[in-house]
Amino acid sequence: MLPADARIRSSRDFGAALKRGRRAARGGVVVHWAPALQPAGEPATPSEADADRTARAGFVVSKAVGNAVVRNKVKRRLRHAAAAELPHWPAGTDVVVRATPKAAERDFAELRRDLTEAVQAARTGKSGRQHRGRS
């Protein structure tokens, strides 16, 4: 279970993390990794200006994933997986985890592995896709 201070709750904070965060997708999840400070030293999120707060996680599970029972099961599994990873994240980091429809088919071990790999890819900036320039 995630502690109350480790959850992203406001839509403003969700939007800020989605807008400025690095994105990586693995299996049934897409992760948006938003570190504490912008390169210019500006506060990371509008409502949380201090970088010494704990890392936070937020979850987005749309109706495309399944009915309410399936969505809640996926969200519970992702929350549990994120709670195990949270101590390894730098203070002040915001992470938004978006479940894809494939998440409903995956068991807990697969979702946890997807989350861990996606967070690692977003942290290092390796999304797994090769970008090709125009010739």
C-alpha atoms as a PDB file:
ATOM      1  CA  MET A   1       0.000   0.000   0.000  1.00  0.00           C
ATOM      2  CA  LEU A   2       1.286   3.436  -0.882  1.00  0.00           C
ATOM      3  CA  PRO A   3       1.436   5.968   1.945  1.00  0.00           C
ATOM      4  CA  ALA A   4      -0.783   9.033   1.502  1.00  0.00           C
ATOM      5  CA  ASP A   5       2.165  11.382   0.922  1.00  0.00           C
ATOM      6  CA  ALA A   6       3.459   9.095  -1.862  1.00  0.00           C
ATOM      7  CA  ARG A   7       0.380   9.472  -4.085  1.00  0.00           C
ATOM      8  CA  ILE A   8      -0.210  11.993  -6.840  1.00  0.00           C
ATOM      9  CA  ARG A   9      -3.761  13.229  -6.390  1.00  0.00           C
ATOM     10  CA  SER A  10      -4.325  16.539  -8.126  1.00  0.00           C
ATOM     11  CA  SER A  11      -4.973  16.745 -11.844  1.00  0.00           C
ATOM     12  CA  ARG A  12      -2.527  19.653 -11.952  1.00  0.00           C
ATOM     13  CA  ASP A  13       0.305  17.421 -10.706  1.00  0.00           C
ATOM     14  CA  PHE A  14      -0.723  14.602 -13.067  1.00  0.00           C
ATOM     15  CA  GLY A  15      -0.663  17.037 -15.982  1.00  0.00           C
ATOM     16  CA  ALA A  16       2.719  18.457 -15.010  1.00  0.00           C
ATOM     17  CA  ALA A  17       4.272  14.995 -14.732  1.00  0.00           C
ATOM     18  CA  LEU A  18       2.782  13.861 -18.047  1.00  0.00           C
ATOM     19  CA  LYS A  19       3.891  17.021 -19.814  1.00  0.00           C
ATOM     20  CA  ARG A  20       7.497  17.163 -18.643  1.00  0.00           C
ATOM     21  CA  GLY A  21       8.220  13.525 -17.833  1.00  0.00           C
ATOM     22  CA  ARG A  22      10.224  11.095 -19.940  1.00  0.00           C
ATOM     23  CA  ARG A  23       8.096   8.262 -21.256  1.00  0.00           C
ATOM     24  CA  ALA A  24       8.830   4.554 -21.621  1.00  0.00           C
ATOM     25  CA  ALA A  25       6.533   1.625 -22.367  1.00  0.00           C
ATOM     26  CA  ARG A  26       6.975  -2.014 -21.449  1.00  0.00           C
ATOM     27  CA  GLY A  27       4.371  -4.775 -21.689  1.00  0.00           C
ATOM     28  CA  GLY A  28       1.180  -3.546 -20.050  1.00  0.00           C
ATOM     29  CA  VAL A  29       2.343  -0.147 -18.780  1.00  0.00           C
ATOM     30  CA  VAL A  30       3.535   3.251 -19.938  1.00  0.00           C
ATOM     31  CA  VAL A  31       5.577   5.180 -17.367  1.00  0.00           C
ATOM     32  CA  HIS A  32       6.100   8.947 -17.274  1.00  0.00           C
ATOM     33  CA  TRP A  33       9.193   9.707 -15.141  1.00  0.00           C
ATOM     34  CA  ALA A  34       9.375  13.331 -13.927  1.00  0.00           C
ATOM     35  CA  PRO A  35      12.445  14.144 -11.804  1.00  0.00           C
ATOM     36  CA  ALA A  36      12.286  16.685  -8.992  1.00  0.00           C
ATOM     37  CA  LEU A  37      13.808  19.722 -10.660  1.00  0.00           C
ATOM     38  CA  GLN A  38      13.738  21.178 -14.135  1.00  0.00           C
ATOM     39  CA  PRO A  39      17.170  21.807 -15.717  1.00  0.00           C
ATOM     40  CA  ALA A  40      16.787  25.549 -15.036  1.00  0.00           C
ATOM     41  CA  GLY A  41      16.169  24.846 -11.336  1.00  0.00           C
ATOM     42  CA  GLU A  42      12.458  25.695 -11.432  1.00  0.00           C
ATOM     43  CA  PRO A  43      10.067  23.792  -9.154  1.00  0.00           C
ATOM     44  CA  ALA A  44       8.956  20.485 -10.648  1.00  0.00           C
ATOM     45  CA  THR A  45       5.253  20.582  -9.880  1.00  0.00           C
ATOM     46  CA  PRO A  46       2.980  23.519  -9.213  1.00  0.00           C
ATOM     47  CA  SER A  47       1.706  22.297  -5.851  1.00  0.00           C
ATOM     48  CA  GLU A  48       4.942  20.758  -4.551  1.00  0.00           C
ATOM     49  CA  ALA A  49       7.858  23.190  -4.788  1.00  0.00           C
ATOM     50  CA  ASP A  50      10.201  21.381  -2.388  1.00  0.00           C
ATOM     51  CA  ALA A  51      12.427  18.625  -3.784  1.00  0.00           C
ATOM     52  CA  ASP A  52      12.943  17.016  -0.367  1.00  0.00           C
ATOM     53  CA  ARG A  53       9.453  15.462  -0.342  1.00  0.00           C
ATOM     54  CA  THR A  54       9.091  11.750  -0.942  1.00  0.00           C
ATOM     55  CA  ALA A  55       8.776  10.319  -4.432  1.00  0.00           C
ATOM     56  CA  ARG A  56       5.172  10.011  -5.589  1.00  0.00           C
ATOM     57  CA  ALA A  57       3.264   7.723  -7.927  1.00  0.00           C
ATOM     58  CA  GLY A  58      -0.042   8.167  -9.736  1.00  0.00           C
ATOM     59  CA  PHE A  59      -2.031   5.677 -11.781  1.00  0.00           C
ATOM     60  CA  VAL A  60      -4.213   5.982 -14.872  1.00  0.00           C
ATOM     61  CA  VAL A  61      -6.358   2.965 -15.789  1.00  0.00           C
ATOM     62  CA  SER A  62      -8.876   3.784 -18.521  1.00  0.00           C
ATOM     63  CA  LYS A  63     -12.051   1.949 -19.497  1.00  0.00           C
ATOM     64  CA  ALA A  64     -10.129   0.467 -22.431  1.00  0.00           C
ATOM     65  CA  VAL A  65      -8.453  -1.862 -19.911  1.00  0.00           C
ATOM     66  CA  GLY A  66     -11.729  -3.552 -18.957  1.00  0.00           C
ATOM     67  CA  ASN A  67     -14.753  -3.295 -16.705  1.00  0.00           C
ATOM     68  CA  ALA A  68     -14.590  -1.818 -13.197  1.00  0.00           C
ATOM     69  CA  VAL A  69     -13.548  -5.099 -11.570  1.00  0.00           C
ATOM     70  CA  VAL A  70     -10.654  -5.580 -13.993  1.00  0.00           C
ATOM     71  CA  ARG A  71      -9.547  -1.925 -13.762  1.00  0.00           C
ATOM     72  CA  ASN A  72      -9.493  -2.036  -9.964  1.00  0.00           C
ATOM     73  CA  LYS A  73      -7.531  -5.300  -9.962  1.00  0.00           C
ATOM     74  CA  VAL A  74      -4.949  -3.839 -12.346  1.00  0.00           C
ATOM     75  CA  LYS A  75      -4.714  -0.657 -10.267  1.00  0.00           C
ATOM     76  CA  ARG A  76      -4.227  -2.612  -7.011  1.00  0.00           C
ATOM     77  CA  ARG A  77      -1.472  -4.698  -8.583  1.00  0.00           C
ATOM     78  CA  LEU A  78       0.290  -1.632  -9.969  1.00  0.00           C
ATOM     79  CA  ARG A  79       0.034   0.184  -6.613  1.00  0.00           C
ATOM     80  CA  HIS A  80       1.567  -2.796  -4.839  1.00  0.00           C
ATOM     81  CA  ALA A  81       4.384  -3.043  -7.392  1.00  0.00           C
ATOM     82  CA  ALA A  82       5.059   0.704  -7.172  1.00  0.00           C
ATOM     83  CA  ALA A  83       5.158   0.591  -3.359  1.00  0.00           C
ATOM     84  CA  ALA A  84       8.017  -1.924  -3.586  1.00  0.00           C
ATOM     85  CA  GLU A  85       9.917   0.275  -6.065  1.00  0.00           C
ATOM     86  CA  LEU A  86       9.265   3.636  -4.364  1.00  0.00           C
ATOM     87  CA  PRO A  87      12.198   3.514  -1.892  1.00  0.00           C
ATOM     88  CA  HIS A  88      14.602   3.253  -4.865  1.00  0.00           C
ATOM     89  CA  TRP A  89      13.321   6.437  -6.526  1.00  0.00           C
ATOM     90  CA  PRO A  90      14.997   9.809  -5.836  1.00  0.00           C
ATOM     91  CA  ALA A  91      13.185  12.210  -3.509  1.00  0.00           C
ATOM     92  CA  GLY A  92      10.831  14.607  -5.241  1.00  0.00           C
ATOM     93  CA  THR A  93      10.290  12.414  -8.308  1.00  0.00           C
ATOM     94  CA  ASP A  94       6.797  12.043  -9.749  1.00  0.00           C
ATOM     95  CA  VAL A  95       5.942   8.864 -11.666  1.00  0.00           C
ATOM     96  CA  VAL A  96       2.676   8.422 -13.550  1.00  0.00           C
ATOM     97  CA  VAL A  97       1.882   4.824 -14.525  1.00  0.00           C
ATOM     98  CA  ARG A  98      -0.646   4.359 -17.309  1.00  0.00           C
ATOM     99  CA  ALA A  99      -2.052   0.861 -17.827  1.00  0.00           C
ATOM    100  CA  THR A 100      -2.651  -0.360 -21.361  1.00  0.00           C
ATOM    101  CA  PRO A 101      -5.352  -2.900 -22.297  1.00  0.00           C
ATOM    102  CA  LYS A 102      -2.622  -5.571 -22.294  1.00  0.00           C
ATOM    103  CA  ALA A 103      -2.257  -5.056 -18.505  1.00  0.00           C
ATOM    104  CA  ALA A 104      -5.543  -6.891 -17.881  1.00  0.00           C
ATOM    105  CA  GLU A 105      -4.051 -10.094 -19.315  1.00  0.00           C
ATOM    106  CA  ARG A 106      -0.849  -9.996 -17.269  1.00  0.00           C
ATOM    107  CA  ASP A 107      -0.359 -11.496 -13.827  1.00  0.00           C
ATOM    108  CA  PHE A 108       1.252  -9.667 -10.913  1.00  0.00           C
ATOM    109  CA  ALA A 109       4.807 -10.862 -11.607  1.00  0.00           C
ATOM    110  CA  GLU A 110       4.604  -9.718 -15.237  1.00  0.00           C
ATOM    111  CA  LEU A 111       3.116  -6.327 -14.289  1.00  0.00           C
ATOM    112  CA  ARG A 112       5.813  -5.799 -11.672  1.00  0.00           C
ATOM    113  CA  ARG A 113       8.527  -6.660 -14.203  1.00  0.00           C
ATOM    114  CA  ASP A 114       6.908  -4.335 -16.780  1.00  0.00           C
ATOM    115  CA  LEU A 115       6.822  -1.508 -14.246  1.00  0.00           C
ATOM    116  CA  THR A 116      10.423  -2.032 -13.132  1.00  0.00           C
ATOM    117  CA  GLU A 117      11.732  -2.174 -16.709  1.00  0.00           C
ATOM    118  CA  ALA A 118       9.687   0.849 -17.830  1.00  0.00           C
ATOM    119  CA  VAL A 119      10.867   2.935 -14.867  1.00  0.00           C
ATOM    120  CA  GLN A 120      14.483   1.973 -15.566  1.00  0.00           C
ATOM    121  CA  ALA A 121      14.100   2.845 -19.256  1.00  0.00           C
ATOM    122  CA  ALA A 122      12.472   6.201 -18.472  1.00  0.00           C
ATOM    123  CA  ARG A 123      15.144   7.046 -15.883  1.00  0.00           C
ATOM    124  CA  THR A 124      17.975   6.366 -18.296  1.00  0.00           C
ATOM    125  CA  GLY A 125      16.200   7.886 -21.290  1.00  0.00           C
ATOM    126  CA  LYS A 126      16.181   4.619 -23.252  1.00  0.00           C
ATOM    127  CA  SER A 127      12.631   4.147 -24.483  1.00  0.00           C
ATOM    128  CA  GLY A 128      13.521   1.157 -26.621  1.00  0.00           C
ATOM    129  CA  ARG A 129      12.637   2.870 -29.887  1.00  0.00           C
ATOM    130  CA  GLN A 130      15.151   4.015 -32.433  1.00  0.00           C
ATOM    131  CA  HIS A 131      14.460   7.491 -33.795  1.00  0.00           C
ATOM    132  CA  ARG A 132      15.356   7.981 -37.430  1.00  0.00           C
ATOM    133  CA  GLY A 133      16.129  11.353 -38.875  1.00  0.00           C
ATOM    134  CA  ARG A 134      14.906  12.386 -42.295  1.00  0.00           C
ATOM    135  CA  SER A 135      17.422  12.150 -45.104  1.00  0.00           C
END
